[in-house]
Amino acid sequence: MANKERNKRAARKARQAERQRAEAQTLAQKQTPAAPAKDTSTKAVKKSGKPGFFQRVRNYFGDVRSEMRRVSWPTPADLKSYTVAVIVILVIFGVATWLIDSGVVAALIGFSGLRG
C-alpha cells in the first residue's frame, strides 16, 4: 500500500513539474516579441491549435498502425488450439442449453397437461 501511495505522489509531482515547465515556456513566449510571419500563403490559419479533420484521421490510422505493430500475435499452433477450444465450448454450451430447454418444456407440459 505504501508503494502505491509513493507512486501516486511521484506521478503528481511529475505532473506538477510538467505544468510548471509549460507555464514557464508560455510566459517566455509571451515576453519575447513575435517575429513577423514568414508564411504569406493564402491559406487561412486556424486560431485554435486543433488539427483539421483529415489530419486527425491520418493521426488515428498512424496510431492504429503503431499499436498493431506492438501486438503479440499468436502462433499458428496457438491459433489452432484456441479455435478448437472455442468450438468445443460452443458445442458443450449448446448441448447444455438444449437439455435445459427440453427439461423445462417437458416439465411445463407435464405440469399443465397441455399436450397429449
PDB file of N, CA and C in Angstrom:
ATOM      1  N   MET A   1       0.823  -1.195   0.000  1.00  0.00           N
ATOM      2  CA  MET A   1       0.000   0.000   0.000  1.00  0.00           C
ATOM      3  C   MET A   1       0.869   1.262   0.000  1.00  0.00           C
ATOM      4  N   ALA A   2       1.959   1.228   0.765  1.00  0.00           N
ATOM      5  CA  ALA A   2       2.843   2.386   0.827  1.00  0.00           C
ATOM      6  C   ALA A   2       3.479   2.653  -0.526  1.00  0.00           C
ATOM      7  N   ASN A   3       3.825   1.590  -1.225  1.00  0.00           N
ATOM      8  CA  ASN A   3       4.428   1.740  -2.548  1.00  0.00           C
ATOM      9  C   ASN A   3       3.443   2.378  -3.520  1.00  0.00           C
ATOM     10  N   LYS A   4       2.170   2.004  -3.408  1.00  0.00           N
ATOM     11  CA  LYS A   4       1.138   2.568  -4.282  1.00  0.00           C
ATOM     12  C   LYS A   4       0.993   4.076  -4.036  1.00  0.00           C
ATOM     13  N   GLU A   5       0.975   4.459  -2.750  1.00  0.00           N
ATOM     14  CA  GLU A   5       0.877   5.877  -2.408  1.00  0.00           C
ATOM     15  C   GLU A   5       2.113   6.636  -2.877  1.00  0.00           C
ATOM     16  N   ARG A   6       3.286   6.022  -2.753  1.00  0.00           N
ATOM     17  CA  ARG A   6       4.522   6.648  -3.207  1.00  0.00           C
ATOM     18  C   ARG A   6       4.475   6.886  -4.713  1.00  0.00           C
ATOM     19  N   ASN A   7       3.953   5.905  -5.446  1.00  0.00           N
ATOM     20  CA  ASN A   7       3.841   6.055  -6.896  1.00  0.00           C
ATOM     21  C   ASN A   7       2.878   7.177  -7.259  1.00  0.00           C
ATOM     22  N   LYS A   8       1.779   7.278  -6.509  1.00  0.00           N
ATOM     23  CA  LYS A   8       0.815   8.353  -6.768  1.00  0.00           C
ATOM     24  C   LYS A   8       1.452   9.720  -6.525  1.00  0.00           C
ATOM     25  N   ARG A   9       2.200   9.834  -5.409  1.00  0.00           N
ATOM     26  CA  ARG A   9       2.869  11.111  -5.116  1.00  0.00           C
ATOM     27  C   ARG A   9       3.878  11.456  -6.196  1.00  0.00           C
ATOM     28  N   ALA A  10       4.621  10.460  -6.648  1.00  0.00           N
ATOM     29  CA  ALA A  10       5.620  10.709  -7.690  1.00  0.00           C
ATOM     30  C   ALA A  10       4.944  11.155  -8.981  1.00  0.00           C
ATOM     31  N   ALA A  11       3.817  10.546  -9.306  1.00  0.00           N
ATOM     32  CA  ALA A  11       3.100  10.938 -10.514  1.00  0.00           C
ATOM     33  C   ALA A  11       2.563  12.363 -10.388  1.00  0.00           C
ATOM     34  N   ARG A  12       2.046  12.708  -9.211  1.00  0.00           N
ATOM     35  CA  ARG A  12       1.545  14.071  -9.002  1.00  0.00           C
ATOM     36  C   ARG A  12       2.675  15.088  -9.132  1.00  0.00           C
ATOM     37  N   LYS A  13       3.831  14.773  -8.555  1.00  0.00           N
ATOM     38  CA  LYS A  13       4.974  15.685  -8.648  1.00  0.00           C
ATOM     39  C   LYS A  13       5.431  15.840 -10.088  1.00  0.00           C
ATOM     40  N   ALA A  14       5.416  14.757 -10.837  1.00  0.00           N
ATOM     41  CA  ALA A  14       5.829  14.821 -12.235  1.00  0.00           C
ATOM     42  C   ALA A  14       4.854  15.680 -13.040  1.00  0.00           C
ATOM     43  N   ARG A  15       3.552  15.515 -12.783  1.00  0.00           N
ATOM     44  CA  ARG A  15       2.561  16.346 -13.492  1.00  0.00           C
ATOM     45  C   ARG A  15       2.711  17.813 -13.124  1.00  0.00           C
ATOM     46  N   GLN A  16       2.978  18.082 -11.839  1.00  0.00           N
ATOM     47  CA  GLN A  16       3.165  19.464 -11.403  1.00  0.00           C
ATOM     48  C   GLN A  16       4.401  20.075 -12.062  1.00  0.00           C
ATOM     49  N   ALA A  17       5.482  19.319 -12.136  1.00  0.00           N
ATOM     50  CA  ALA A  17       6.693  19.821 -12.782  1.00  0.00           C
ATOM     51  C   ALA A  17       6.446  20.083 -14.265  1.00  0.00           C
ATOM     52  N   GLU A  18       5.684  19.220 -14.909  1.00  0.00           N
ATOM     53  CA  GLU A  18       5.359  19.417 -16.330  1.00  0.00           C
ATOM     54  C   GLU A  18       4.509  20.677 -16.523  1.00  0.00           C
ATOM     55  N   ARG A  19       3.536  20.891 -15.626  1.00  0.00           N
ATOM     56  CA  ARG A  19       2.715  22.108 -15.712  1.00  0.00           C
ATOM     57  C   ARG A  19       3.573  23.353 -15.530  1.00  0.00           C
ATOM     58  N   GLN A  20       4.489  23.323 -14.549  1.00  0.00           N
ATOM     59  CA  GLN A  20       5.350  24.475 -14.314  1.00  0.00           C
ATOM     60  C   GLN A  20       6.251  24.741 -15.516  1.00  0.00           C
ATOM     61  N   ARG A  21       6.765  23.674 -16.128  1.00  0.00           N
ATOM     62  CA  ARG A  21       7.606  23.843 -17.304  1.00  0.00           C
ATOM     63  C   ARG A  21       6.806  24.451 -18.450  1.00  0.00           C
ATOM     64  N   ALA A  22       5.563  23.999 -18.637  1.00  0.00           N
ATOM     65  CA  ALA A  22       4.724  24.526 -19.703  1.00  0.00           C
ATOM     66  C   ALA A  22       4.370  25.993 -19.445  1.00  0.00           C
ATOM     67  N   GLU A  23       4.090  26.329 -18.181  1.00  0.00           N
ATOM     68  CA  GLU A  23       3.784  27.723 -17.852  1.00  0.00           C
ATOM     69  C   GLU A  23       4.987  28.620 -18.089  1.00  0.00           C
ATOM     70  N   ALA A  24       6.175  28.150 -17.718  1.00  0.00           N
ATOM     71  CA  ALA A  24       7.385  28.932 -17.932  1.00  0.00           C
ATOM     72  C   ALA A  24       7.632  29.140 -19.423  1.00  0.00           C
ATOM     73  N   GLN A  25       7.378  28.101 -20.207  1.00  0.00           N
ATOM     74  CA  GLN A  25       7.570  28.215 -21.654  1.00  0.00           C
ATOM     75  C   GLN A  25       6.565  29.197 -22.250  1.00  0.00           C
ATOM     76  N   THR A  26       5.319  29.138 -21.792  1.00  0.00           N
ATOM     77  CA  THR A  26       4.291  30.057 -22.280  1.00  0.00           C
ATOM     78  C   THR A  26       4.635  31.490 -21.901  1.00  0.00           C
ATOM     79  N   LEU A  27       5.091  31.677 -20.671  1.00  0.00           N
ATOM     80  CA  LEU A  27       5.465  33.009 -20.212  1.00  0.00           C
ATOM     81  C   LEU A  27       6.642  33.549 -21.022  1.00  0.00           C
ATOM     82  N   ALA A  28       7.605  32.691 -21.329  1.00  0.00           N
ATOM     83  CA  ALA A  28       8.760  33.121 -22.127  1.00  0.00           C
ATOM     84  C   ALA A  28       8.335  33.504 -23.538  1.00  0.00           C
ATOM     85  N   GLN A  29       7.388  32.789 -24.084  1.00  0.00           N
ATOM     86  CA  GLN A  29       6.906  33.109 -25.432  1.00  0.00           C
ATOM     87  C   GLN A  29       6.162  34.439 -25.444  1.00  0.00           C
ATOM     88  N   LYS A  30       5.429  34.721 -24.365  1.00  0.00           N
ATOM     89  CA  LYS A  30       4.692  35.981 -24.302  1.00  0.00           C
ATOM     90  C   LYS A  30       5.634  37.172 -24.154  1.00  0.00           C
ATOM     91  N   GLN A  31       6.749  36.974 -23.469  1.00  0.00           N
ATOM     92  CA  GLN A  31       7.669  38.074 -23.229  1.00  0.00           C
ATOM     93  C   GLN A  31       8.512  38.405 -24.449  1.00  0.00           C
ATOM     94  N   THR A  32       8.807  37.437 -25.287  1.00  0.00           N
ATOM     95  CA  THR A  32       9.608  37.712 -26.476  1.00  0.00           C
ATOM     96  C   THR A  32       8.711  38.309 -27.541  1.00  0.00           C
ATOM     97  N   PRO A  33       9.204  39.326 -28.251  1.00  0.00           N
ATOM     98  CA  PRO A  33       8.366  39.919 -29.290  1.00  0.00           C
ATOM     99  C   PRO A  33       8.161  38.924 -30.429  1.00  0.00           C
ATOM    100  N   ALA A  34       6.972  38.935 -30.948  1.00  0.00           N
ATOM    101  CA  ALA A  34       6.634  37.994 -32.019  1.00  0.00           C
ATOM    102  C   ALA A  34       7.329  38.429 -33.305  1.00  0.00           C
ATOM    103  N   ALA A  35       7.947  37.482 -33.964  1.00  0.00           N
ATOM    104  CA  ALA A  35       8.609  37.749 -35.244  1.00  0.00           C
ATOM    105  C   ALA A  35       7.542  37.841 -36.328  1.00  0.00           C
ATOM    106  N   PRO A  36       7.795  38.646 -37.354  1.00  0.00           N
ATOM    107  CA  PRO A  36       6.796  38.720 -38.423  1.00  0.00           C
ATOM    108  C   PRO A  36       6.647  37.371 -39.101  1.00  0.00           C
ATOM    109  N   ALA A  37       5.443  37.103 -39.498  1.00  0.00           N
ATOM    110  CA  ALA A  37       5.146  35.815 -40.125  1.00  0.00           C
ATOM    111  C   ALA A  37       5.858  35.721 -41.464  1.00  0.00           C
ATOM    112  N   LYS A  38       6.556  34.616 -41.691  1.00  0.00           N
ATOM    113  CA  LYS A  38       7.270  34.410 -42.940  1.00  0.00           C
ATOM    114  C   LYS A  38       6.363  33.803 -44.002  1.00  0.00           C
ATOM    115  N   ASP A  39       5.353  33.058 -43.558  1.00  0.00           N
ATOM    116  CA  ASP A  39       4.465  32.384 -44.493  1.00  0.00           C
ATOM    117  C   ASP A  39       3.341  33.337 -44.871  1.00  0.00           C
ATOM    118  N   THR A  40       3.314  33.752 -46.112  1.00  0.00           N
ATOM    119  CA  THR A  40       2.265  34.662 -46.575  1.00  0.00           C
ATOM    120  C   THR A  40       1.361  33.948 -47.565  1.00  0.00           C
ATOM    121  N   SER A  41       1.109  32.656 -47.313  1.00  0.00           N
ATOM    122  CA  SER A  41       0.249  31.905 -48.227  1.00  0.00           C
ATOM    123  C   SER A  41      -1.195  32.349 -48.058  1.00  0.00           C
ATOM    124  N   THR A  42      -2.018  31.957 -48.982  1.00  0.00           N
ATOM    125  CA  THR A  42      -3.414  32.384 -48.972  1.00  0.00           C
ATOM    126  C   THR A  42      -4.267  31.506 -48.078  1.00  0.00           C
ATOM    127  N   LYS A  43      -3.683  30.439 -47.540  1.00  0.00           N
ATOM    128  CA  LYS A  43      -4.458  29.569 -46.662  1.00  0.00           C
ATOM    129  C   LYS A  43      -4.727  30.283 -45.348  1.00  0.00           C
ATOM    130  N   ALA A  44      -5.935  30.115 -44.865  1.00  0.00           N
ATOM    131  CA  ALA A  44      -6.297  30.698 -43.585  1.00  0.00           C
ATOM    132  C   ALA A  44      -5.810  29.773 -42.482  1.00  0.00           C
ATOM    133  N   VAL A  45      -5.143  30.347 -41.505  1.00  0.00           N
ATOM    134  CA  VAL A  45      -4.622  29.569 -40.401  1.00  0.00           C
ATOM    135  C   VAL A  45      -5.660  29.577 -39.292  1.00  0.00           C
ATOM    136  N   LYS A  46      -5.972  28.404 -38.781  1.00  0.00           N
ATOM    137  CA  LYS A  46      -6.941  28.317 -37.696  1.00  0.00           C
ATOM    138  C   LYS A  46      -6.315  28.898 -36.433  1.00  0.00           C
ATOM    139  N   LYS A  47      -7.121  29.578 -35.650  1.00  0.00           N
ATOM    140  CA  LYS A  47      -6.608  30.183 -34.439  1.00  0.00           C
ATOM    141  C   LYS A  47      -6.416  29.151 -33.338  1.00  0.00           C
ATOM    142  N   SER A  48      -7.232  28.101 -33.347  1.00  0.00           N
ATOM    143  CA  SER A  48      -7.043  27.052 -32.343  1.00  0.00           C
ATOM    144  C   SER A  48      -5.943  26.109 -32.812  1.00  0.00           C
ATOM    145  N   GLY A  49      -5.288  25.446 -31.868  1.00  0.00           N
ATOM    146  CA  GLY A  49      -4.201  24.540 -32.204  1.00  0.00           C
ATOM    147  C   GLY A  49      -4.708  23.176 -32.640  1.00  0.00           C
ATOM    148  N   LYS A  50      -6.013  23.030 -32.788  1.00  0.00           N
ATOM    149  CA  LYS A  50      -6.604  21.741 -33.133  1.00  0.00           C
ATOM    150  C   LYS A  50      -6.358  21.424 -34.599  1.00  0.00           C
ATOM    151  N   PRO A  51      -5.866  20.202 -34.896  1.00  0.00           N
ATOM    152  CA  PRO A  51      -5.638  19.853 -36.308  1.00  0.00           C
ATOM    153  C   PRO A  51      -6.956  19.660 -37.038  1.00  0.00           C
ATOM    154  N   GLY A  52      -6.888  19.749 -38.348  1.00  0.00           N
ATOM    155  CA  GLY A  52      -8.079  19.590 -39.161  1.00  0.00           C
ATOM    156  C   GLY A  52      -8.566  18.148 -39.178  1.00  0.00           C
ATOM    157  N   PHE A  53      -9.709  17.932 -39.824  1.00  0.00           N
ATOM    158  CA  PHE A  53     -10.342  16.618 -39.864  1.00  0.00           C
ATOM    159  C   PHE A  53      -9.434  15.576 -40.495  1.00  0.00           C
ATOM    160  N   PHE A  54      -8.890  15.892 -41.660  1.00  0.00           N
ATOM    161  CA  PHE A  54      -8.071  14.904 -42.368  1.00  0.00           C
ATOM    162  C   PHE A  54      -6.779  14.606 -41.614  1.00  0.00           C
ATOM    163  N   GLN A  55      -6.228  15.602 -40.942  1.00  0.00           N
ATOM    164  CA  GLN A  55      -5.028  15.367 -40.142  1.00  0.00           C
ATOM    165  C   GLN A  55      -5.343  14.458 -38.960  1.00  0.00           C
ATOM    166  N   ARG A  56      -6.524  14.650 -38.347  1.00  0.00           N
ATOM    167  CA  ARG A  56      -6.916  13.788 -37.238  1.00  0.00           C
ATOM    168  C   ARG A  56      -7.126  12.353 -37.705  1.00  0.00           C
ATOM    169  N   VAL A  57      -7.740  12.184 -38.886  1.00  0.00           N
ATOM    170  CA  VAL A  57      -7.934  10.837 -39.434  1.00  0.00           C
ATOM    171  C   VAL A  57      -6.580  10.200 -39.714  1.00  0.00           C
ATOM    172  N   ARG A  58      -5.676  10.965 -40.290  1.00  0.00           N
ATOM    173  CA  ARG A  58      -4.330  10.449 -40.584  1.00  0.00           C
ATOM    174  C   ARG A  58      -3.607  10.060 -39.299  1.00  0.00           C
ATOM    175  N   ASN A  59      -3.712  10.903 -38.272  1.00  0.00           N
ATOM    176  CA  ASN A  59      -3.097  10.593 -36.984  1.00  0.00           C
ATOM    177  C   ASN A  59      -3.696   9.324 -36.380  1.00  0.00           C
ATOM    178  N   TYR A  60      -5.014   9.175 -36.507  1.00  0.00           N
ATOM    179  CA  TYR A  60      -5.689   7.998 -35.961  1.00  0.00           C
ATOM    180  C   TYR A  60      -5.145   6.723 -36.600  1.00  0.00           C
ATOM    181  N   PHE A  61      -5.088   6.703 -37.936  1.00  0.00           N
ATOM    182  CA  PHE A  61      -4.622   5.499 -38.613  1.00  0.00           C
ATOM    183  C   PHE A  61      -3.132   5.256 -38.357  1.00  0.00           C
ATOM    184  N   GLY A  62      -2.373   6.312 -38.182  1.00  0.00           N
ATOM    185  CA  GLY A  62      -0.964   6.147 -37.809  1.00  0.00           C
ATOM    186  C   GLY A  62      -0.831   5.511 -36.432  1.00  0.00           C
ATOM    187  N   ASP A  63      -1.694   5.945 -35.493  1.00  0.00           N
ATOM    188  CA  ASP A  63      -1.681   5.355 -34.157  1.00  0.00           C
ATOM    189  C   ASP A  63      -2.113   3.894 -34.197  1.00  0.00           C
ATOM    190  N   VAL A  64      -3.123   3.591 -35.007  1.00  0.00           N
ATOM    191  CA  VAL A  64      -3.576   2.205 -35.134  1.00  0.00           C
ATOM    192  C   VAL A  64      -2.445   1.346 -35.685  1.00  0.00           C
ATOM    193  N   ARG A  65      -1.751   1.851 -36.676  1.00  0.00           N
ATOM    194  CA  ARG A  65      -0.650   1.091 -37.280  1.00  0.00           C
ATOM    195  C   ARG A  65       0.454   0.821 -36.261  1.00  0.00           C
ATOM    196  N   SER A  66       0.802   1.830 -35.470  1.00  0.00           N
ATOM    197  CA  SER A  66       1.861   1.625 -34.483  1.00  0.00           C
ATOM    198  C   SER A  66       1.414   0.657 -33.390  1.00  0.00           C
ATOM    199  N   GLU A  67       0.137   0.699 -33.006  1.00  0.00           N
ATOM    200  CA  GLU A  67      -0.360  -0.237 -31.998  1.00  0.00           C
ATOM    201  C   GLU A  67      -0.379  -1.663 -32.533  1.00  0.00           C
ATOM    202  N   MET A  68      -0.739  -1.819 -33.799  1.00  0.00           N
ATOM    203  CA  MET A  68      -0.795  -3.165 -34.375  1.00  0.00           C
ATOM    204  C   MET A  68       0.597  -3.782 -34.466  1.00  0.00           C
ATOM    205  N   ARG A  69       1.621  -2.960 -34.557  1.00  0.00           N
ATOM    206  CA  ARG A  69       2.985  -3.486 -34.571  1.00  0.00           C
ATOM    207  C   ARG A  69       3.392  -3.996 -33.196  1.00  0.00           C
ATOM    208  N   ARG A  70       2.782  -3.463 -32.143  1.00  0.00           N
ATOM    209  CA  ARG A  70       3.120  -3.867 -30.788  1.00  0.00           C
ATOM    210  C   ARG A  70       2.368  -5.114 -30.326  1.00  0.00           C
ATOM    211  N   VAL A  71       1.347  -5.515 -31.058  1.00  0.00           N
ATOM    212  CA  VAL A  71       0.536  -6.657 -30.665  1.00  0.00           C
ATOM    213  C   VAL A  71       1.370  -7.928 -30.738  1.00  0.00           C
ATOM    214  N   SER A  72       1.225  -8.786 -29.742  1.00  0.00           N
ATOM    215  CA  SER A  72       1.906 -10.083 -29.817  1.00  0.00           C
ATOM    216  C   SER A  72       0.906 -11.068 -30.415  1.00  0.00           C
ATOM    217  N   TRP A  73       1.141 -11.433 -31.641  1.00  0.00           N
ATOM    218  CA  TRP A  73       0.225 -12.290 -32.373  1.00  0.00           C
ATOM    219  C   TRP A  73       0.466 -13.742 -32.001  1.00  0.00           C
ATOM    220  N   PRO A  74      -0.616 -14.554 -31.934  1.00  0.00           N
ATOM    221  CA  PRO A  74      -0.426 -15.970 -31.605  1.00  0.00           C
ATOM    222  C   PRO A  74       0.212 -16.718 -32.771  1.00  0.00           C
ATOM    223  N   THR A  75       0.910 -17.790 -32.420  1.00  0.00           N
ATOM    224  CA  THR A  75       1.495 -18.632 -33.455  1.00  0.00           C
ATOM    225  C   THR A  75       0.381 -19.454 -34.101  1.00  0.00           C
ATOM    226  N   PRO A  76       0.621 -20.013 -35.284  1.00  0.00           N
ATOM    227  CA  PRO A  76      -0.415 -20.842 -35.909  1.00  0.00           C
ATOM    228  C   PRO A  76      -0.859 -22.018 -35.035  1.00  0.00           C
ATOM    229  N   ALA A  77       0.068 -22.617 -34.293  1.00  0.00           N
ATOM    230  CA  ALA A  77      -0.310 -23.721 -33.407  1.00  0.00           C
ATOM    231  C   ALA A  77      -1.219 -23.226 -32.277  1.00  0.00           C
ATOM    232  N   ASP A  78      -0.877 -22.069 -31.699  1.00  0.00           N
ATOM    233  CA  ASP A  78      -1.735 -21.495 -30.655  1.00  0.00           C
ATOM    234  C   ASP A  78      -3.114 -21.166 -31.209  1.00  0.00           C
ATOM    235  N   LEU A  79      -3.145 -20.587 -32.387  1.00  0.00           N
ATOM    236  CA  LEU A  79      -4.412 -20.205 -33.002  1.00  0.00           C
ATOM    237  C   LEU A  79      -5.286 -21.429 -33.238  1.00  0.00           C
ATOM    238  N   LYS A  80      -4.673 -22.522 -33.682  1.00  0.00           N
ATOM    239  CA  LYS A  80      -5.422 -23.757 -33.925  1.00  0.00           C
ATOM    240  C   LYS A  80      -5.991 -24.299 -32.614  1.00  0.00           C
ATOM    241  N   SER A  81      -5.180 -24.317 -31.556  1.00  0.00           N
ATOM    242  CA  SER A  81      -5.666 -24.847 -30.281  1.00  0.00           C
ATOM    243  C   SER A  81      -6.761 -23.956 -29.696  1.00  0.00           C
ATOM    244  N   TYR A  82      -6.644 -22.640 -29.846  1.00  0.00           N
ATOM    245  CA  TYR A  82      -7.686 -21.731 -29.358  1.00  0.00           C
ATOM    246  C   TYR A  82      -8.987 -21.948 -30.127  1.00  0.00           C
ATOM    247  N   THR A  83      -8.872 -22.144 -31.431  1.00  0.00           N
ATOM    248  CA  THR A  83     -10.059 -22.347 -32.252  1.00  0.00           C
ATOM    249  C   THR A  83     -10.771 -23.629 -31.850  1.00  0.00           C
ATOM    250  N   VAL A  84     -10.019 -24.699 -31.651  1.00  0.00           N
ATOM    251  CA  VAL A  84     -10.618 -25.967 -31.240  1.00  0.00           C
ATOM    252  C   VAL A  84     -11.278 -25.809 -29.872  1.00  0.00           C
ATOM    253  N   ALA A  85     -10.628 -25.107 -28.962  1.00  0.00           N
ATOM    254  CA  ALA A  85     -11.187 -24.911 -27.626  1.00  0.00           C
ATOM    255  C   ALA A  85     -12.506 -24.139 -27.696  1.00  0.00           C
ATOM    256  N   VAL A  86     -12.561 -23.124 -28.515  1.00  0.00           N
ATOM    257  CA  VAL A  86     -13.788 -22.330 -28.642  1.00  0.00           C
ATOM    258  C   VAL A  86     -14.915 -23.173 -29.230  1.00  0.00           C
ATOM    259  N   ILE A  87     -14.619 -23.963 -30.253  1.00  0.00           N
ATOM    260  CA  ILE A  87     -15.651 -24.797 -30.873  1.00  0.00           C
ATOM    261  C   ILE A  87     -16.166 -25.841 -29.878  1.00  0.00           C
ATOM    262  N   VAL A  88     -15.264 -26.453 -29.113  1.00  0.00           N
ATOM    263  CA  VAL A  88     -15.686 -27.444 -28.118  1.00  0.00           C
ATOM    264  C   VAL A  88     -16.583 -26.804 -27.059  1.00  0.00           C
ATOM    265  N   ILE A  89     -16.189 -25.645 -26.566  1.00  0.00           N
ATOM    266  CA  ILE A  89     -17.001 -24.947 -25.554  1.00  0.00           C
ATOM    267  C   ILE A  89     -18.366 -24.574 -26.121  1.00  0.00           C
ATOM    268  N   LEU A  90     -18.411 -24.130 -27.380  1.00  0.00           N
ATOM    269  CA  LEU A  90     -19.697 -23.800 -28.003  1.00  0.00           C
ATOM    270  C   LEU A  90     -20.596 -25.023 -28.088  1.00  0.00           C
ATOM    271  N   VAL A  91     -20.051 -26.170 -28.463  1.00  0.00           N
ATOM    272  CA  VAL A  91     -20.847 -27.393 -28.551  1.00  0.00           C
ATOM    273  C   VAL A  91     -21.349 -27.789 -27.165  1.00  0.00           C
ATOM    274  N   ILE A  92     -20.477 -27.717 -26.159  1.00  0.00           N
ATOM    275  CA  ILE A  92     -20.890 -28.089 -24.795  1.00  0.00           C
ATOM    276  C   ILE A  92     -22.019 -27.191 -24.303  1.00  0.00           C
ATOM    277  N   PHE A  93     -21.870 -25.889 -24.484  1.00  0.00           N
ATOM    278  CA  PHE A  93     -22.913 -24.973 -24.031  1.00  0.00           C
ATOM    279  C   PHE A  93     -24.184 -25.117 -24.862  1.00  0.00           C
ATOM    280  N   GLY A  94     -24.055 -25.414 -26.142  1.00  0.00           N
ATOM    281  CA  GLY A  94     -25.238 -25.644 -26.969  1.00  0.00           C
ATOM    282  C   GLY A  94     -26.014 -26.865 -26.502  1.00  0.00           C
ATOM    283  N   VAL A  95     -25.312 -27.950 -26.222  1.00  0.00           N
ATOM    284  CA  VAL A  95     -25.975 -29.170 -25.736  1.00  0.00           C
ATOM    285  C   VAL A  95     -26.598 -28.914 -24.364  1.00  0.00           C
ATOM    286  N   ALA A  96     -25.878 -28.213 -23.483  1.00  0.00           N
ATOM    287  CA  ALA A  96     -26.419 -27.914 -22.154  1.00  0.00           C
ATOM    288  C   ALA A  96     -27.675 -27.058 -22.265  1.00  0.00           C
ATOM    289  N   THR A  97     -27.669 -26.067 -23.129  1.00  0.00           N
ATOM    290  CA  THR A  97     -28.854 -25.220 -23.320  1.00  0.00           C
ATOM    291  C   THR A  97     -30.021 -26.038 -23.864  1.00  0.00           C
ATOM    292  N   TRP A  98     -29.728 -26.918 -24.814  1.00  0.00           N
ATOM    293  CA  TRP A  98     -30.779 -27.761 -25.394  1.00  0.00           C
ATOM    294  C   TRP A  98     -31.386 -28.675 -24.331  1.00  0.00           C
ATOM    295  N   LEU A  99     -30.532 -29.285 -23.478  1.00  0.00           N
ATOM    296  CA  LEU A  99     -31.037 -30.176 -22.432  1.00  0.00           C
ATOM    297  C   LEU A  99     -31.889 -29.420 -21.416  1.00  0.00           C
ATOM    298  N   ILE A 100     -31.427 -28.263 -21.014  1.00  0.00           N
ATOM    299  CA  ILE A 100     -32.192 -27.468 -20.040  1.00  0.00           C
ATOM    300  C   ILE A 100     -33.515 -27.035 -20.648  1.00  0.00           C
ATOM    301  N   ASP A 101     -33.483 -26.588 -21.894  1.00  0.00           N
ATOM    302  CA  ASP A 101     -34.711 -26.158 -22.566  1.00  0.00           C
ATOM    303  C   ASP A 101     -35.685 -27.328 -22.693  1.00  0.00           C
ATOM    304  N   SER A 102     -35.191 -28.476 -23.099  1.00  0.00           N
ATOM    305  CA  SER A 102     -36.063 -29.651 -23.228  1.00  0.00           C
ATOM    306  C   SER A 102     -36.644 -30.051 -21.880  1.00  0.00           C
ATOM    307  N   GLY A 103     -35.832 -29.985 -20.830  1.00  0.00           N
ATOM    308  CA  GLY A 103     -36.319 -30.316 -19.497  1.00  0.00           C
ATOM    309  C   GLY A 103     -37.388 -29.361 -19.019  1.00  0.00           C
ATOM    310  N   VAL A 104     -37.183 -28.074 -19.249  1.00  0.00           N
ATOM    311  CA  VAL A 104     -38.171 -27.076 -18.833  1.00  0.00           C
ATOM    312  C   VAL A 104     -39.470 -27.272 -19.616  1.00  0.00           C
ATOM    313  N   VAL A 105     -39.371 -27.509 -20.920  1.00  0.00           N
ATOM    314  CA  VAL A 105     -40.573 -27.722 -21.735  1.00  0.00           C
ATOM    315  C   VAL A 105     -41.295 -28.980 -21.272  1.00  0.00           C
ATOM    316  N   ALA A 106     -40.560 -30.068 -21.009  1.00  0.00           N
ATOM    317  CA  ALA A 106     -41.191 -31.312 -20.544  1.00  0.00           C
ATOM    318  C   ALA A 106     -41.867 -31.102 -19.195  1.00  0.00           C
ATOM    319  N   ALA A 107     -41.214 -30.340 -18.316  1.00  0.00           N
ATOM    320  CA  ALA A 107     -41.820 -30.072 -17.006  1.00  0.00           C
ATOM    321  C   ALA A 107     -43.093 -29.246 -17.146  1.00  0.00           C
ATOM    322  N   LEU A 108     -43.071 -28.261 -18.030  1.00  0.00           N
ATOM    323  CA  LEU A 108     -44.290 -27.439 -18.221  1.00  0.00           C
ATOM    324  C   LEU A 108     -45.412 -28.255 -18.844  1.00  0.00           C
ATOM    325  N   ILE A 109     -45.082 -29.132 -19.772  1.00  0.00           N
ATOM    326  CA  ILE A 109     -46.110 -29.970 -20.388  1.00  0.00           C
ATOM    327  C   ILE A 109     -46.677 -30.930 -19.346  1.00  0.00           C
ATOM    328  N   GLY A 110     -45.803 -31.520 -18.549  1.00  0.00           N
ATOM    329  CA  GLY A 110     -46.278 -32.443 -17.508  1.00  0.00           C
ATOM    330  C   GLY A 110     -47.105 -31.721 -16.454  1.00  0.00           C
ATOM    331  N   PHE A 111     -46.714 -30.518 -16.097  1.00  0.00           N
ATOM    332  CA  PHE A 111     -47.424 -29.763 -15.067  1.00  0.00           C
ATOM    333  C   PHE A 111     -48.780 -29.258 -15.567  1.00  0.00           C
ATOM    334  N   SER A 112     -48.789 -28.716 -16.799  1.00  0.00           N
ATOM    335  CA  SER A 112     -50.018 -28.119 -17.298  1.00  0.00           C
ATOM    336  C   SER A 112     -50.894 -29.101 -18.046  1.00  0.00           C
ATOM    337  N   GLY A 113     -50.303 -30.156 -18.587  1.00  0.00           N
ATOM    338  CA  GLY A 113     -51.080 -31.147 -19.338  1.00  0.00           C
ATOM    339  C   GLY A 113     -51.638 -30.603 -20.639  1.00  0.00           C
ATOM    340  N   LEU A 114     -50.933 -29.685 -21.265  1.00  0.00           N
ATOM    341  CA  LEU A 114     -51.433 -29.073 -22.487  1.00  0.00           C
ATOM    342  C   LEU A 114     -51.340 -30.018 -23.683  1.00  0.00           C
ATOM    343  N   ARG A 115     -50.315 -30.835 -23.755  1.00  0.00           N
ATOM    344  CA  ARG A 115     -50.191 -31.760 -24.868  1.00  0.00           C
ATOM    345  C   ARG A 115     -50.580 -33.159 -24.403  1.00  0.00           C
ATOM    346  N   GLY A 116     -51.214 -33.840 -25.258  1.00  0.00           N
ATOM    347  CA  GLY A 116     -51.389 -35.240 -25.147  1.00  0.00           C
ATOM    348  C   GLY A 116     -52.295 -35.864 -24.268  1.00  0.00           C
TER     349      GLY A 116
END
